[in-house]
Amino acid sequence: MAQKIVWSFEAASDLEALADYISKDSAFYAAAFVQEILDVSGSLHEFSERGRVVPEFGDLNIRELLVRGYRLIYSIEEHRIVLLGLVHGKRDLKSLWANEKRRGDQGTEDRAADN
């Protein structure tokens, strides 16, 4: 049974902010970046455990995939995969998320994968 993919509000906001930033230089590259993220995230239902465990958390159910230098962080739950955030690989994830409630977020924006 394929797991449903859910975007948390924070992850959707991260993607939108990155698209806005990239589009200041090139709308084409912004659209290509967003499409690549959507393709990668949409394919997680096929093999959700392919991402590595996020070292800062050490939780086997919190994983990440690297896409163009960004960490696509997600949580594997029983019947769904929740995308938690999209963070540049050079940022300090623990500090960045210290005051935010992202880890284990229930996901507020439901976007089921078409794949």
PDB file of N, CA and C in Angstrom:
ATOM      1  N   MET A   1       0.837  -1.190   0.000  1.00  0.00           N
ATOM      2  CA  MET A   1       0.000   0.000   0.000  1.00  0.00           C
ATOM      3  C   MET A   1       0.879   1.249   0.000  1.00  0.00           C
ATOM      4  N   ALA A   2       0.649   2.131  -0.939  1.00  0.00           N
ATOM      5  CA  ALA A   2       1.440   3.358  -1.043  1.00  0.00           C
ATOM      6  C   ALA A   2       1.076   4.316   0.085  1.00  0.00           C
ATOM      7  N   GLN A   3       2.105   4.929   0.637  1.00  0.00           N
ATOM      8  CA  GLN A   3       1.878   5.900   1.691  1.00  0.00           C
ATOM      9  C   GLN A   3       1.520   7.249   1.077  1.00  0.00           C
ATOM     10  N   LYS A   4       0.633   7.955   1.735  1.00  0.00           N
ATOM     11  CA  LYS A   4       0.231   9.284   1.302  1.00  0.00           C
ATOM     12  C   LYS A   4       1.343  10.265   1.682  1.00  0.00           C
ATOM     13  N   ILE A   5       1.584  11.235   0.837  1.00  0.00           N
ATOM     14  CA  ILE A   5       2.600  12.243   1.106  1.00  0.00           C
ATOM     15  C   ILE A   5       1.901  13.537   1.488  1.00  0.00           C
ATOM     16  N   VAL A   6       2.285  14.082   2.647  1.00  0.00           N
ATOM     17  CA  VAL A   6       1.665  15.285   3.190  1.00  0.00           C
ATOM     18  C   VAL A   6       2.735  16.354   3.391  1.00  0.00           C
ATOM     19  N   TRP A   7       2.465  17.556   2.928  1.00  0.00           N
ATOM     20  CA  TRP A   7       3.369  18.693   3.146  1.00  0.00           C
ATOM     21  C   TRP A   7       2.934  19.427   4.405  1.00  0.00           C
ATOM     22  N   SER A   8       3.835  19.586   5.371  1.00  0.00           N
ATOM     23  CA  SER A   8       3.531  20.424   6.524  1.00  0.00           C
ATOM     24  C   SER A   8       3.488  21.873   6.047  1.00  0.00           C
ATOM     25  N   PHE A   9       2.848  22.717   6.821  1.00  0.00           N
ATOM     26  CA  PHE A   9       2.796  24.146   6.493  1.00  0.00           C
ATOM     27  C   PHE A   9       4.210  24.704   6.367  1.00  0.00           C
ATOM     28  N   GLU A  10       5.091  24.303   7.288  1.00  0.00           N
ATOM     29  CA  GLU A  10       6.468  24.807   7.292  1.00  0.00           C
ATOM     30  C   GLU A  10       7.235  24.389   6.042  1.00  0.00           C
ATOM     31  N   ALA A  11       7.086  23.142   5.640  1.00  0.00           N
ATOM     32  CA  ALA A  11       7.792  22.668   4.443  1.00  0.00           C
ATOM     33  C   ALA A  11       7.289  23.388   3.199  1.00  0.00           C
ATOM     34  N   ALA A  12       5.977  23.566   3.096  1.00  0.00           N
ATOM     35  CA  ALA A  12       5.413  24.294   1.956  1.00  0.00           C
ATOM     36  C   ALA A  12       5.904  25.740   1.957  1.00  0.00           C
ATOM     37  N   SER A  13       6.001  26.337   3.138  1.00  0.00           N
ATOM     38  CA  SER A  13       6.509  27.712   3.247  1.00  0.00           C
ATOM     39  C   SER A  13       7.977  27.791   2.855  1.00  0.00           C
ATOM     40  N   ASP A  14       8.759  26.796   3.260  1.00  0.00           N
ATOM     41  CA  ASP A  14      10.177  26.754   2.874  1.00  0.00           C
ATOM     42  C   ASP A  14      10.317  26.708   1.360  1.00  0.00           C
ATOM     43  N   LEU A  15       9.537  25.843   0.716  1.00  0.00           N
ATOM     44  CA  LEU A  15       9.614  25.704  -0.739  1.00  0.00           C
ATOM     45  C   LEU A  15       9.192  26.999  -1.429  1.00  0.00           C
ATOM     46  N   GLU A  16       8.140  27.605  -0.941  1.00  0.00           N
ATOM     47  CA  GLU A  16       7.669  28.860  -1.535  1.00  0.00           C
ATOM     48  C   GLU A  16       8.715  29.967  -1.380  1.00  0.00           C
ATOM     49  N   ALA A  17       9.331  30.057  -0.205  1.00  0.00           N
ATOM     50  CA  ALA A  17      10.356  31.081   0.028  1.00  0.00           C
ATOM     51  C   ALA A  17      11.562  30.867  -0.884  1.00  0.00           C
ATOM     52  N   LEU A  18      11.974  29.618  -1.049  1.00  0.00           N
ATOM     53  CA  LEU A  18      13.102  29.325  -1.943  1.00  0.00           C
ATOM     54  C   LEU A  18      12.759  29.642  -3.391  1.00  0.00           C
ATOM     55  N   ALA A  19      11.552  29.312  -3.808  1.00  0.00           N
ATOM     56  CA  ALA A  19      11.126  29.619  -5.176  1.00  0.00           C
ATOM     57  C   ALA A  19      11.108  31.127  -5.407  1.00  0.00           C
ATOM     58  N   ASP A  20      10.609  31.876  -4.429  1.00  0.00           N
ATOM     59  CA  ASP A  20      10.598  33.340  -4.546  1.00  0.00           C
ATOM     60  C   ASP A  20      12.011  33.890  -4.659  1.00  0.00           C
ATOM     61  N   TYR A  21      12.914  33.364  -3.845  1.00  0.00           N
ATOM     62  CA  TYR A  21      14.305  33.823  -3.852  1.00  0.00           C
ATOM     63  C   TYR A  21      14.972  33.530  -5.201  1.00  0.00           C
ATOM     64  N   ILE A  22      14.826  32.311  -5.684  1.00  0.00           N
ATOM     65  CA  ILE A  22      15.448  31.923  -6.957  1.00  0.00           C
ATOM     66  C   ILE A  22      14.837  32.703  -8.121  1.00  0.00           C
ATOM     67  N   SER A  23      13.539  32.968  -8.048  1.00  0.00           N
ATOM     68  CA  SER A  23      12.858  33.651  -9.156  1.00  0.00           C
ATOM     69  C   SER A  23      13.321  35.094  -9.333  1.00  0.00           C
ATOM     70  N   LYS A  24      13.967  35.658  -8.326  1.00  0.00           N
ATOM     71  CA  LYS A  24      14.512  37.013  -8.470  1.00  0.00           C
ATOM     72  C   LYS A  24      15.594  37.042  -9.540  1.00  0.00           C
ATOM     73  N   ASP A  25      16.277  35.910  -9.715  1.00  0.00           N
ATOM     74  CA  ASP A  25      17.293  35.788 -10.767  1.00  0.00           C
ATOM     75  C   ASP A  25      16.727  35.133 -12.017  1.00  0.00           C
ATOM     76  N   SER A  26      15.884  34.114 -11.828  1.00  0.00           N
ATOM     77  CA  SER A  26      15.382  33.375 -12.988  1.00  0.00           C
ATOM     78  C   SER A  26      14.094  32.628 -12.647  1.00  0.00           C
ATOM     79  N   ALA A  27      13.018  33.035 -13.281  1.00  0.00           N
ATOM     80  CA  ALA A  27      11.745  32.331 -13.091  1.00  0.00           C
ATOM     81  C   ALA A  27      11.843  30.897 -13.609  1.00  0.00           C
ATOM     82  N   PHE A  28      12.614  30.711 -14.674  1.00  0.00           N
ATOM     83  CA  PHE A  28      12.788  29.377 -15.250  1.00  0.00           C
ATOM     84  C   PHE A  28      13.451  28.436 -14.244  1.00  0.00           C
ATOM     85  N   TYR A  29      14.558  28.869 -13.632  1.00  0.00           N
ATOM     86  CA  TYR A  29      15.266  28.011 -12.679  1.00  0.00           C
ATOM     87  C   TYR A  29      14.458  27.806 -11.401  1.00  0.00           C
ATOM     88  N   ALA A  30      13.678  28.802 -11.019  1.00  0.00           N
ATOM     89  CA  ALA A  30      12.813  28.638  -9.853  1.00  0.00           C
ATOM     90  C   ALA A  30      11.783  27.542 -10.116  1.00  0.00           C
ATOM     91  N   ALA A  31      11.172  27.583 -11.287  1.00  0.00           N
ATOM     92  CA  ALA A  31      10.179  26.563 -11.643  1.00  0.00           C
ATOM     93  C   ALA A  31      10.818  25.181 -11.742  1.00  0.00           C
ATOM     94  N   ALA A  32      12.026  25.117 -12.303  1.00  0.00           N
ATOM     95  CA  ALA A  32      12.734  23.832 -12.421  1.00  0.00           C
ATOM     96  C   ALA A  32      13.077  23.272 -11.041  1.00  0.00           C
ATOM     97  N   PHE A  33      13.499  24.142 -10.127  1.00  0.00           N
ATOM     98  CA  PHE A  33      13.835  23.720  -8.767  1.00  0.00           C
ATOM     99  C   PHE A  33      12.591  23.172  -8.065  1.00  0.00           C
ATOM    100  N   VAL A  34      11.498  23.916  -8.148  1.00  0.00           N
ATOM    101  CA  VAL A  34      10.253  23.469  -7.517  1.00  0.00           C
ATOM    102  C   VAL A  34       9.821  22.124  -8.098  1.00  0.00           C
ATOM    103  N   GLN A  35       9.897  21.978  -9.403  1.00  0.00           N
ATOM    104  CA  GLN A  35       9.496  20.717 -10.035  1.00  0.00           C
ATOM    105  C   GLN A  35      10.372  19.557  -9.567  1.00  0.00           C
ATOM    106  N   GLU A  36      11.670  19.813  -9.433  1.00  0.00           N
ATOM    107  CA  GLU A  36      12.569  18.754  -8.961  1.00  0.00           C
ATOM    108  C   GLU A  36      12.222  18.335  -7.534  1.00  0.00           C
ATOM    109  N   ILE A  37      11.941  19.309  -6.674  1.00  0.00           N
ATOM    110  CA  ILE A  37      11.554  19.000  -5.293  1.00  0.00           C
ATOM    111  C   ILE A  37      10.246  18.205  -5.287  1.00  0.00           C
ATOM    112  N   LEU A  38       9.280  18.633  -6.095  1.00  0.00           N
ATOM    113  CA  LEU A  38       8.003  17.912  -6.161  1.00  0.00           C
ATOM    114  C   LEU A  38       8.182  16.496  -6.693  1.00  0.00           C
ATOM    115  N   ASP A  39       9.054  16.328  -7.678  1.00  0.00           N
ATOM    116  CA  ASP A  39       9.316  14.989  -8.224  1.00  0.00           C
ATOM    117  C   ASP A  39       9.957  14.080  -7.180  1.00  0.00           C
ATOM    118  N   VAL A  40      10.960  14.604  -6.488  1.00  0.00           N
ATOM    119  CA  VAL A  40      11.657  13.808  -5.468  1.00  0.00           C
ATOM    120  C   VAL A  40      10.707  13.466  -4.323  1.00  0.00           C
ATOM    121  N   SER A  41       9.986  14.462  -3.830  1.00  0.00           N
ATOM    122  CA  SER A  41       9.070  14.202  -2.714  1.00  0.00           C
ATOM    123  C   SER A  41       7.941  13.269  -3.140  1.00  0.00           C
ATOM    124  N   GLY A  42       7.463  13.427  -4.364  1.00  0.00           N
ATOM    125  CA  GLY A  42       6.386  12.577  -4.857  1.00  0.00           C
ATOM    126  C   GLY A  42       6.782  11.127  -5.029  1.00  0.00           C
ATOM    127  N   SER A  43       8.078  10.884  -5.160  1.00  0.00           N
ATOM    128  CA  SER A  43       8.552   9.506  -5.339  1.00  0.00           C
ATOM    129  C   SER A  43       8.820   8.797  -4.014  1.00  0.00           C
ATOM    130  N   LEU A  44       8.679   9.488  -2.904  1.00  0.00           N
ATOM    131  CA  LEU A  44       8.962   8.878  -1.605  1.00  0.00           C
ATOM    132  C   LEU A  44       8.034   7.710  -1.280  1.00  0.00           C
ATOM    133  N   HIS A  45       6.834   7.720  -1.824  1.00  0.00           N
ATOM    134  CA  HIS A  45       5.907   6.622  -1.519  1.00  0.00           C
ATOM    135  C   HIS A  45       6.435   5.284  -2.034  1.00  0.00           C
ATOM    136  N   GLU A  46       7.355   5.306  -2.996  1.00  0.00           N
ATOM    137  CA  GLU A  46       7.906   4.065  -3.549  1.00  0.00           C
ATOM    138  C   GLU A  46       8.894   3.389  -2.597  1.00  0.00           C
ATOM    139  N   PHE A  47       9.726   4.183  -1.953  1.00  0.00           N
ATOM    140  CA  PHE A  47      10.708   3.630  -1.018  1.00  0.00           C
ATOM    141  C   PHE A  47      11.100   4.730  -0.039  1.00  0.00           C
ATOM    142  N   SER A  48      10.283   4.921   0.971  1.00  0.00           N
ATOM    143  CA  SER A  48      10.450   6.045   1.895  1.00  0.00           C
ATOM    144  C   SER A  48      11.722   5.969   2.734  1.00  0.00           C
ATOM    145  N   GLU A  49      12.266   4.780   2.921  1.00  0.00           N
ATOM    146  CA  GLU A  49      13.445   4.650   3.775  1.00  0.00           C
ATOM    147  C   GLU A  49      14.757   4.860   3.024  1.00  0.00           C
ATOM    148  N   ARG A  50      14.703   5.297   1.764  1.00  0.00           N
ATOM    149  CA  ARG A  50      15.937   5.493   1.000  1.00  0.00           C
ATOM    150  C   ARG A  50      16.734   6.700   1.486  1.00  0.00           C
ATOM    151  N   GLY A  51      16.085   7.650   2.114  1.00  0.00           N
ATOM    152  CA  GLY A  51      16.807   8.802   2.657  1.00  0.00           C
ATOM    153  C   GLY A  51      17.600   8.407   3.882  1.00  0.00           C
ATOM    154  N   ARG A  52      18.628   9.188   4.174  1.00  0.00           N
ATOM    155  CA  ARG A  52      19.424   8.869   5.363  1.00  0.00           C
ATOM    156  C   ARG A  52      18.747   9.429   6.610  1.00  0.00           C
ATOM    157  N   VAL A  53      19.024   8.808   7.735  1.00  0.00           N
ATOM    158  CA  VAL A  53      18.522   9.293   9.014  1.00  0.00           C
ATOM    159  C   VAL A  53      19.173  10.649   9.276  1.00  0.00           C
ATOM    160  N   VAL A  54      18.376  11.627   9.691  1.00  0.00           N
ATOM    161  CA  VAL A  54      18.913  12.960   9.979  1.00  0.00           C
ATOM    162  C   VAL A  54      19.811  12.842  11.208  1.00  0.00           C
ATOM    163  N   PRO A  55      21.128  13.087  11.051  1.00  0.00           N
ATOM    164  CA  PRO A  55      22.065  12.864  12.154  1.00  0.00           C
ATOM    165  C   PRO A  55      21.788  13.721  13.388  1.00  0.00           C
ATOM    166  N   GLU A  56      21.253  14.911  13.194  1.00  0.00           N
ATOM    167  CA  GLU A  56      20.981  15.793  14.338  1.00  0.00           C
ATOM    168  C   GLU A  56      19.894  15.245  15.250  1.00  0.00           C
ATOM    169  N   PHE A  57      19.028  14.387  14.718  1.00  0.00           N
ATOM    170  CA  PHE A  57      17.916  13.875  15.512  1.00  0.00           C
ATOM    171  C   PHE A  57      18.095  12.416  15.913  1.00  0.00           C
ATOM    172  N   GLY A  58      18.735  11.614  15.080  1.00  0.00           N
ATOM    173  CA  GLY A  58      18.969  10.212  15.409  1.00  0.00           C
ATOM    174  C   GLY A  58      17.708   9.364  15.485  1.00  0.00           C
ATOM    175  N   ASP A  59      16.621   9.843  14.935  1.00  0.00           N
ATOM    176  CA  ASP A  59      15.350   9.123  14.930  1.00  0.00           C
ATOM    177  C   ASP A  59      15.238   8.388  13.594  1.00  0.00           C
ATOM    178  N   LEU A  60      15.066   7.072  13.629  1.00  0.00           N
ATOM    179  CA  LEU A  60      15.009   6.282  12.395  1.00  0.00           C
ATOM    180  C   LEU A  60      13.866   6.682  11.468  1.00  0.00           C
ATOM    181  N   ASN A  61      12.866   7.355  12.001  1.00  0.00           N
ATOM    182  CA  ASN A  61      11.720   7.759  11.188  1.00  0.00           C
ATOM    183  C   ASN A  61      11.833   9.181  10.646  1.00  0.00           C
ATOM    184  N   ILE A  62      12.878   9.904  11.014  1.00  0.00           N
ATOM    185  CA  ILE A  62      13.092  11.255  10.474  1.00  0.00           C
ATOM    186  C   ILE A  62      14.283  11.167   9.541  1.00  0.00           C
ATOM    187  N   ARG A  63      14.018  11.370   8.254  1.00  0.00           N
ATOM    188  CA  ARG A  63      15.032  11.156   7.218  1.00  0.00           C
ATOM    189  C   ARG A  63      15.137  12.365   6.313  1.00  0.00           C
ATOM    190  N   GLU A  64      16.145  12.305   5.435  1.00  0.00           N
ATOM    191  CA  GLU A  64      16.344  13.414   4.511  1.00  0.00           C
ATOM    192  C   GLU A  64      16.890  12.911   3.186  1.00  0.00           C
ATOM    193  N   LEU A  65      16.567  13.664   2.155  1.00  0.00           N
ATOM    194  CA  LEU A  65      17.149  13.471   0.835  1.00  0.00           C
ATOM    195  C   LEU A  65      17.801  14.789   0.448  1.00  0.00           C
ATOM    196  N   LEU A  66      18.944  14.717  -0.199  1.00  0.00           N
ATOM    197  CA  LEU A  66      19.624  15.929  -0.640  1.00  0.00           C
ATOM    198  C   LEU A  66      19.226  16.234  -2.078  1.00  0.00           C
ATOM    199  N   VAL A  67      18.808  17.473  -2.294  1.00  0.00           N
ATOM    200  CA  VAL A  67      18.404  17.929  -3.623  1.00  0.00           C
ATOM    201  C   VAL A  67      19.058  19.287  -3.865  1.00  0.00           C
ATOM    202  N   ARG A  68      20.049  19.306  -4.762  1.00  0.00           N
ATOM    203  CA  ARG A  68      20.754  20.548  -5.118  1.00  0.00           C
ATOM    204  C   ARG A  68      21.252  21.325  -3.898  1.00  0.00           C
ATOM    205  N   GLY A  69      21.811  20.629  -2.954  1.00  0.00           N
ATOM    206  CA  GLY A  69      22.374  21.277  -1.776  1.00  0.00           C
ATOM    207  C   GLY A  69      21.373  21.567  -0.673  1.00  0.00           C
ATOM    208  N   TYR A  70      20.130  21.177  -0.862  1.00  0.00           N
ATOM    209  CA  TYR A  70      19.098  21.381   0.153  1.00  0.00           C
ATOM    210  C   TYR A  70      18.692  20.041   0.748  1.00  0.00           C
ATOM    211  N   ARG A  71      18.380  20.074   2.029  1.00  0.00           N
ATOM    212  CA  ARG A  71      17.954  18.880   2.745  1.00  0.00           C
ATOM    213  C   ARG A  71      16.428  18.852   2.783  1.00  0.00           C
ATOM    214  N   LEU A  72      15.841  17.881   2.121  1.00  0.00           N
ATOM    215  CA  LEU A  72      14.398  17.682   2.168  1.00  0.00           C
ATOM    216  C   LEU A  72      14.144  16.710   3.314  1.00  0.00           C
ATOM    217  N   ILE A  73      13.625  17.229   4.405  1.00  0.00           N
ATOM    218  CA  ILE A  73      13.483  16.456   5.637  1.00  0.00           C
ATOM    219  C   ILE A  73      12.041  15.970   5.766  1.00  0.00           C
ATOM    220  N   TYR A  74      11.899  14.683   6.094  1.00  0.00           N
ATOM    221  CA  TYR A  74      10.566  14.101   6.181  1.00  0.00           C
ATOM    222  C   TYR A  74      10.489  13.081   7.306  1.00  0.00           C
ATOM    223  N   SER A  75       9.272  12.828   7.716  1.00  0.00           N
ATOM    224  CA  SER A  75       8.995  11.867   8.775  1.00  0.00           C
ATOM    225  C   SER A  75       8.176  10.719   8.193  1.00  0.00           C
ATOM    226  N   ILE A  76       8.582   9.508   8.518  1.00  0.00           N
ATOM    227  CA  ILE A  76       7.849   8.325   8.059  1.00  0.00           C
ATOM    228  C   ILE A  76       6.888   7.907   9.166  1.00  0.00           C
ATOM    229  N   GLU A  77       5.610   7.924   8.844  1.00  0.00           N
ATOM    230  CA  GLU A  77       4.587   7.491   9.781  1.00  0.00           C
ATOM    231  C   GLU A  77       3.942   6.222   9.232  1.00  0.00           C
ATOM    232  N   GLU A  78       3.021   5.660   9.975  1.00  0.00           N
ATOM    233  CA  GLU A  78       2.444   4.370   9.581  1.00  0.00           C
ATOM    234  C   GLU A  78       1.797   4.389   8.193  1.00  0.00           C
ATOM    235  N   HIS A  79       0.979   5.392   7.919  1.00  0.00           N
ATOM    236  CA  HIS A  79       0.253   5.419   6.649  1.00  0.00           C
ATOM    237  C   HIS A  79       0.560   6.639   5.792  1.00  0.00           C
ATOM    238  N   ARG A  80       1.541   7.429   6.208  1.00  0.00           N
ATOM    239  CA  ARG A  80       1.858   8.621   5.430  1.00  0.00           C
ATOM    240  C   ARG A  80       3.289   9.072   5.668  1.00  0.00           C
ATOM    241  N   ILE A  81       3.727   9.920   4.779  1.00  0.00           N
ATOM    242  CA  ILE A  81       5.040  10.549   4.891  1.00  0.00           C
ATOM    243  C   ILE A  81       4.778  12.042   5.015  1.00  0.00           C
ATOM    244  N   VAL A  82       5.316  12.659   6.068  1.00  0.00           N
ATOM    245  CA  VAL A  82       5.112  14.090   6.284  1.00  0.00           C
ATOM    246  C   VAL A  82       6.403  14.826   5.958  1.00  0.00           C
ATOM    247  N   LEU A  83       6.333  15.729   4.993  1.00  0.00           N
ATOM    248  CA  LEU A  83       7.482  16.567   4.659  1.00  0.00           C
ATOM    249  C   LEU A  83       7.553  17.671   5.704  1.00  0.00           C
ATOM    250  N   LEU A  84       8.685  17.733   6.392  1.00  0.00           N
ATOM    251  CA  LEU A  84       8.827  18.651   7.519  1.00  0.00           C
ATOM    252  C   LEU A  84       9.514  19.956   7.164  1.00  0.00           C
ATOM    253  N   GLY A  85      10.426  19.923   6.203  1.00  0.00           N
ATOM    254  CA  GLY A  85      11.125  21.153   5.861  1.00  0.00           C
ATOM    255  C   GLY A  85      12.112  20.972   4.742  1.00  0.00           C
ATOM    256  N   LEU A  86      12.561  22.097   4.233  1.00  0.00           N
ATOM    257  CA  LEU A  86      13.550  22.161   3.172  1.00  0.00           C
ATOM    258  C   LEU A  86      14.583  23.181   3.625  1.00  0.00           C
ATOM    259  N   VAL A  87      15.793  22.697   3.930  1.00  0.00           N
ATOM    260  CA  VAL A  87      16.815  23.529   4.564  1.00  0.00           C
ATOM    261  C   VAL A  87      18.117  23.432   3.784  1.00  0.00           C
ATOM    262  N   HIS A  88      18.782  24.558   3.603  1.00  0.00           N
ATOM    263  CA  HIS A  88      20.086  24.528   2.924  1.00  0.00           C
ATOM    264  C   HIS A  88      21.037  23.650   3.726  1.00  0.00           C
ATOM    265  N   GLY A  89      21.825  22.858   3.033  1.00  0.00           N
ATOM    266  CA  GLY A  89      22.721  21.897   3.667  1.00  0.00           C
ATOM    267  C   GLY A  89      23.770  22.498   4.577  1.00  0.00           C
ATOM    268  N   LYS A  90      24.097  23.772   4.403  1.00  0.00           N
ATOM    269  CA  LYS A  90      25.116  24.406   5.246  1.00  0.00           C
ATOM    270  C   LYS A  90      24.537  25.057   6.496  1.00  0.00           C
ATOM    271  N   ARG A  91      23.227  25.074   6.610  1.00  0.00           N
ATOM    272  CA  ARG A  91      22.604  25.674   7.795  1.00  0.00           C
ATOM    273  C   ARG A  91      22.666  24.698   8.962  1.00  0.00           C
ATOM    274  N   ASP A  92      22.709  25.233  10.156  1.00  0.00           N
ATOM    275  CA  ASP A  92      22.718  24.430  11.375  1.00  0.00           C
ATOM    276  C   ASP A  92      21.272  24.060  11.708  1.00  0.00           C
ATOM    277  N   LEU A  93      20.894  22.856  11.357  1.00  0.00           N
ATOM    278  CA  LEU A  93      19.509  22.416  11.496  1.00  0.00           C
ATOM    279  C   LEU A  93      19.022  22.470  12.938  1.00  0.00           C
ATOM    280  N   LYS A  94      19.837  22.006  13.866  1.00  0.00           N
ATOM    281  CA  LYS A  94      19.408  21.981  15.266  1.00  0.00           C
ATOM    282  C   LYS A  94      19.118  23.383  15.783  1.00  0.00           C
ATOM    283  N   SER A  95      19.997  24.326  15.478  1.00  0.00           N
ATOM    284  CA  SER A  95      19.772  25.710  15.908  1.00  0.00           C
ATOM    285  C   SER A  95      18.563  26.311  15.211  1.00  0.00           C
ATOM    286  N   LEU A  96      18.457  26.040  13.928  1.00  0.00           N
ATOM    287  CA  LEU A  96      17.361  26.598  13.136  1.00  0.00           C
ATOM    288  C   LEU A  96      16.005  26.138  13.659  1.00  0.00           C
ATOM    289  N   TRP A  97      15.913  24.868  14.014  1.00  0.00           N
ATOM    290  CA  TRP A  97      14.635  24.316  14.453  1.00  0.00           C
ATOM    291  C   TRP A  97      14.463  24.299  15.969  1.00  0.00           C
ATOM    292  N   ALA A  98      15.420  24.846  16.708  1.00  0.00           N
ATOM    293  CA  ALA A  98      15.363  24.798  18.171  1.00  0.00           C
ATOM    294  C   ALA A  98      14.080  25.425  18.720  1.00  0.00           C
ATOM    295  N   ASN A  99      13.653  26.522  18.124  1.00  0.00           N
ATOM    296  CA  ASN A  99      12.468  27.220  18.625  1.00  0.00           C
ATOM    297  C   ASN A  99      11.233  26.990  17.767  1.00  0.00           C
ATOM    298  N   GLU A 100      11.322  26.058  16.842  1.00  0.00           N
ATOM    299  CA  GLU A 100      10.185  25.779  15.968  1.00  0.00           C
ATOM    300  C   GLU A 100       9.657  24.383  16.250  1.00  0.00           C
ATOM    301  N   LYS A 101       8.374  24.210  16.079  1.00  0.00           N
ATOM    302  CA  LYS A 101       7.783  22.884  16.264  1.00  0.00           C
ATOM    303  C   LYS A 101       7.629  22.241  14.891  1.00  0.00           C
ATOM    304  N   ARG A 102       8.708  21.632  14.416  1.00  0.00           N
ATOM    305  CA  ARG A 102       8.657  20.973  13.111  1.00  0.00           C
ATOM    306  C   ARG A 102       8.774  19.470  13.261  1.00  0.00           C
ATOM    307  N   ARG A 103       9.681  19.023  14.087  1.00  0.00           N
ATOM    308  CA  ARG A 103       9.912  17.592  14.222  1.00  0.00           C
ATOM    309  C   ARG A 103       8.633  16.914  14.686  1.00  0.00           C
ATOM    310  N   GLY A 104       8.130  16.011  13.871  1.00  0.00           N
ATOM    311  CA  GLY A 104       6.908  15.307  14.232  1.00  0.00           C
ATOM    312  C   GLY A 104       5.646  16.102  13.963  1.00  0.00           C
ATOM    313  N   ASP A 105       5.769  17.240  13.268  1.00  0.00           N
ATOM    314  CA  ASP A 105       4.611  18.052  12.904  1.00  0.00           C
ATOM    315  C   ASP A 105       3.582  17.169  12.205  1.00  0.00           C
ATOM    316  N   GLN A 106       2.341  17.395  12.491  1.00  0.00           N
ATOM    317  CA  GLN A 106       1.287  16.553  11.927  1.00  0.00           C
ATOM    318  C   GLN A 106       0.981  16.862  10.476  1.00  0.00           C
ATOM    319  N   GLY A 107       1.461  17.968   9.975  1.00  0.00           N
ATOM    320  CA  GLY A 107       1.202  18.313   8.575  1.00  0.00           C
ATOM    321  C   GLY A 107      -0.151  18.982   8.442  1.00  0.00           C
ATOM    322  N   THR A 108      -0.139  20.180   7.901  1.00  0.00           N
ATOM    323  CA  THR A 108      -1.383  20.916   7.789  1.00  0.00           C
ATOM    324  C   THR A 108      -1.826  21.091   6.354  1.00  0.00           C
ATOM    325  N   GLU A 109      -0.906  20.935   5.443  1.00  0.00           N
ATOM    326  CA  GLU A 109      -1.264  21.105   4.038  1.00  0.00           C
ATOM    327  C   GLU A 109      -1.195  19.751   3.365  1.00  0.00           C
ATOM    328  N   ASP A 110      -2.325  19.252   2.988  1.00  0.00           N
ATOM    329  CA  ASP A 110      -2.435  17.915   2.425  1.00  0.00           C
ATOM    330  C   ASP A 110      -2.239  17.956   0.923  1.00  0.00           C
ATOM    331  N   ARG A 111      -1.148  17.396   0.448  1.00  0.00           N
ATOM    332  CA  ARG A 111      -0.896  17.312  -0.988  1.00  0.00           C
ATOM    333  C   ARG A 111      -0.511  15.876  -1.306  1.00  0.00           C
ATOM    334  N   ALA A 112      -1.464  15.079  -1.678  1.00  0.00           N
ATOM    335  CA  ALA A 112      -1.168  13.676  -2.008  1.00  0.00           C
ATOM    336  C   ALA A 112      -0.378  13.619  -3.299  1.00  0.00           C
ATOM    337  N   ALA A 113       0.573  12.723  -3.341  1.00  0.00           N
ATOM    338  CA  ALA A 113       1.398  12.558  -4.544  1.00  0.00           C
ATOM    339  C   ALA A 113       0.578  11.904  -5.641  1.00  0.00           C
ATOM    340  N   ASP A 114       0.793  12.367  -6.848  1.00  0.00           N
ATOM    341  CA  ASP A 114       0.100  11.791  -7.998  1.00  0.00           C
ATOM    342  C   ASP A 114       0.801  10.543  -8.503  1.00  0.00           C
ATOM    343  N   ASN A 115       2.067  10.361  -8.118  1.00  0.00           N
ATOM    344  CA  ASN A 115       2.858   9.234  -8.639  1.00  0.00           C
ATOM    345  C   ASN A 115       2.475   7.941  -7.977  1.00  0.00           C
TER     346      ASN A 115
END
